[in-house]
C-alpha atoms as a PDB file:
ATOM      1  CA  MET A   1       9.724  10.569 -23.182  1.00  0.00           C
ATOM      2  CA  SER A   2       6.831  11.437 -24.879  1.00  0.00           C
ATOM      3  CA  GLN A   3       6.094  15.095 -25.015  1.00  0.00           C
ATOM      4  CA  PHE A   4       2.072  15.716 -25.183  1.00  0.00           C
ATOM      5  CA  ASP A   5       0.336  18.701 -26.794  1.00  0.00           C
ATOM      6  CA  SER A   6      -2.972  18.477 -24.495  1.00  0.00           C
ATOM      7  CA  VAL A   7      -4.479  16.811 -21.812  1.00  0.00           C
ATOM      8  CA  GLN A   8      -6.601  14.707 -23.808  1.00  0.00           C
ATOM      9  CA  ASP A   9      -3.795  13.769 -25.994  1.00  0.00           C
ATOM     10  CA  PHE A  10      -1.693  12.575 -22.387  1.00  0.00           C
ATOM     11  CA  PHE A  11      -5.632  10.028 -21.322  1.00  0.00           C
ATOM     12  CA  SER A  12      -5.522   9.065 -24.658  1.00  0.00           C
ATOM     13  CA  THR A  13      -2.262   7.163 -24.315  1.00  0.00           C
ATOM     14  CA  LEU A  14      -1.785   6.738 -20.975  1.00  0.00           C
ATOM     15  CA  GLU A  15      -2.873   2.602 -21.330  1.00  0.00           C
ATOM     16  CA  SER A  16      -0.549   2.352 -24.184  1.00  0.00           C
ATOM     17  CA  ARG A  17       2.266   3.301 -22.740  1.00  0.00           C
ATOM     18  CA  PHE A  18       1.859   1.618 -19.126  1.00  0.00           C
ATOM     19  CA  VAL A  19       3.708  -1.256 -17.890  1.00  0.00           C
ATOM     20  CA  PRO A  20       1.733  -3.562 -16.145  1.00  0.00           C
ATOM     21  CA  GLU A  21       4.952  -5.246 -14.583  1.00  0.00           C
ATOM     22  CA  ALA A  22       5.140  -2.459 -12.240  1.00  0.00           C
ATOM     23  CA  ALA A  23       1.519  -2.808 -11.181  1.00  0.00           C
ATOM     24  CA  LYS A  24       1.428  -5.982  -9.454  1.00  0.00           C
ATOM     25  CA  GLY A  25       0.230  -6.131  -6.500  1.00  0.00           C
ATOM     26  CA  VAL A  26      -1.242  -2.289  -6.998  1.00  0.00           C
ATOM     27  CA  ASP A  27      -4.983  -1.251  -5.944  1.00  0.00           C
ATOM     28  CA  ILE A  28      -5.433   2.363  -6.921  1.00  0.00           C
ATOM     29  CA  THR A  29      -7.629   5.177  -8.004  1.00  0.00           C
ATOM     30  CA  PHE A  30      -6.821   8.510  -9.492  1.00  0.00           C
ATOM     31  CA  GLN A  31      -8.906  11.267  -9.983  1.00  0.00           C
ATOM     32  CA  TYR A  32      -7.806  13.924 -12.038  1.00  0.00           C
ATOM     33  CA  ASP A  33      -9.627  17.437 -12.064  1.00  0.00           C
ATOM     34  CA  ILE A  34      -7.619  19.515 -14.571  1.00  0.00           C
ATOM     35  CA  THR A  35      -9.103  22.453 -14.591  1.00  0.00           C
ATOM     36  CA  GLY A  36      -8.512  25.762 -17.185  1.00  0.00           C
ATOM     37  CA  ASP A  37      -8.598  25.696 -20.756  1.00  0.00           C
ATOM     38  CA  GLY A  38      -8.342  22.003 -22.509  1.00  0.00           C
ATOM     39  CA  GLY A  39      -9.061  20.626 -19.199  1.00  0.00           C
ATOM     40  CA  GLY A  40     -11.390  18.079 -17.703  1.00  0.00           C
ATOM     41  CA  GLN A  41     -12.238  15.174 -15.288  1.00  0.00           C
ATOM     42  CA  TRP A  42     -10.607  11.616 -16.495  1.00  0.00           C
ATOM     43  CA  TYR A  43     -10.137   8.804 -14.105  1.00  0.00           C
ATOM     44  CA  ALA A  44      -7.224   5.941 -14.221  1.00  0.00           C
ATOM     45  CA  VAL A  45      -8.006   2.526 -12.134  1.00  0.00           C
ATOM     46  CA  ILE A  46      -5.295   0.695 -11.446  1.00  0.00           C
ATOM     47  CA  ASN A  47      -6.080  -3.129 -10.150  1.00  0.00           C
ATOM     48  CA  ASP A  48      -3.125  -5.489  -9.893  1.00  0.00           C
ATOM     49  CA  GLY A  49      -1.098  -4.456 -13.075  1.00  0.00           C
ATOM     50  CA  THR A  50      -4.214  -4.503 -15.304  1.00  0.00           C
ATOM     51  CA  LEU A  51      -5.163  -0.198 -16.187  1.00  0.00           C
ATOM     52  CA  GLU A  52      -8.763   1.467 -17.100  1.00  0.00           C
ATOM     53  CA  VAL A  53      -8.784   4.559 -17.632  1.00  0.00           C
ATOM     54  CA  HIS A  54     -11.865   6.479 -18.140  1.00  0.00           C
ATOM     55  CA  GLU A  55     -13.295  10.035 -18.643  1.00  0.00           C
ATOM     56  CA  GLY A  56     -14.932  11.994 -15.798  1.00  0.00           C
ATOM     57  CA  THR A  57     -15.260  11.148 -12.409  1.00  0.00           C
ATOM     58  CA  ALA A  58     -14.301   8.214 -10.013  1.00  0.00           C
ATOM     59  CA  ASP A  59     -16.747   7.427  -7.259  1.00  0.00           C
ATOM     60  CA  ASN A  60     -14.352   6.433  -4.721  1.00  0.00           C
ATOM     61  CA  PRO A  61     -10.998   7.725  -5.677  1.00  0.00           C
ATOM     62  CA  THR A  62      -7.557   6.455  -3.670  1.00  0.00           C
ATOM     63  CA  VAL A  63      -5.932   9.722  -4.641  1.00  0.00           C
ATOM     64  CA  THR A  64      -7.546  13.645  -6.374  1.00  0.00           C
ATOM     65  CA  MET A  65      -5.040  15.176  -7.987  1.00  0.00           C
ATOM     66  CA  THR A  66      -6.416  18.938  -9.485  1.00  0.00           C
ATOM     67  CA  ILE A  67      -4.187  21.068 -11.569  1.00  0.00           C
ATOM     68  CA  ALA A  68      -4.349  23.461 -14.324  1.00  0.00           C
ATOM     69  CA  ALA A  69      -4.350  22.099 -17.461  1.00  0.00           C
ATOM     70  CA  ASP A  70      -1.307  24.684 -18.157  1.00  0.00           C
ATOM     71  CA  HIS A  71       1.015  23.475 -15.322  1.00  0.00           C
ATOM     72  CA  TYR A  72      -0.199  19.703 -16.330  1.00  0.00           C
ATOM     73  CA  ILE A  73       1.189  19.414 -19.502  1.00  0.00           C
ATOM     74  CA  LYS A  74       4.251  21.238 -18.337  1.00  0.00           C
ATOM     75  CA  VAL A  75       5.291  18.590 -15.632  1.00  0.00           C
ATOM     76  CA  VAL A  76       4.291  15.877 -17.958  1.00  0.00           C
ATOM     77  CA  ASN A  77       6.004  16.817 -20.528  1.00  0.00           C
ATOM     78  CA  GLY A  78       9.279  17.538 -17.644  1.00  0.00           C
ATOM     79  CA  LYS A  79       9.334  20.920 -17.658  1.00  0.00           C
ATOM     80  CA  MET A  80       8.025  21.832 -13.778  1.00  0.00           C
ATOM     81  CA  LYS A  81       8.226  19.687 -10.823  1.00  0.00           C
END
């Protein structure tokens, strides 16, 4: 499993870690509002096995996650549930 040093590191490498076969038939937009130092806003659009990651806010996200940057890094590194 990859370990990430920053939220930016996580989102900048998300497309390279995406598994298209696992997302066939999926149509969803995730909005990530990461707060605090090292945070920012990103959104990920999954549409039938494709992924696009953008910085900023989605017009109509399906799911919105708001979390502190330090907690998000712990979650994606498997150090916090």
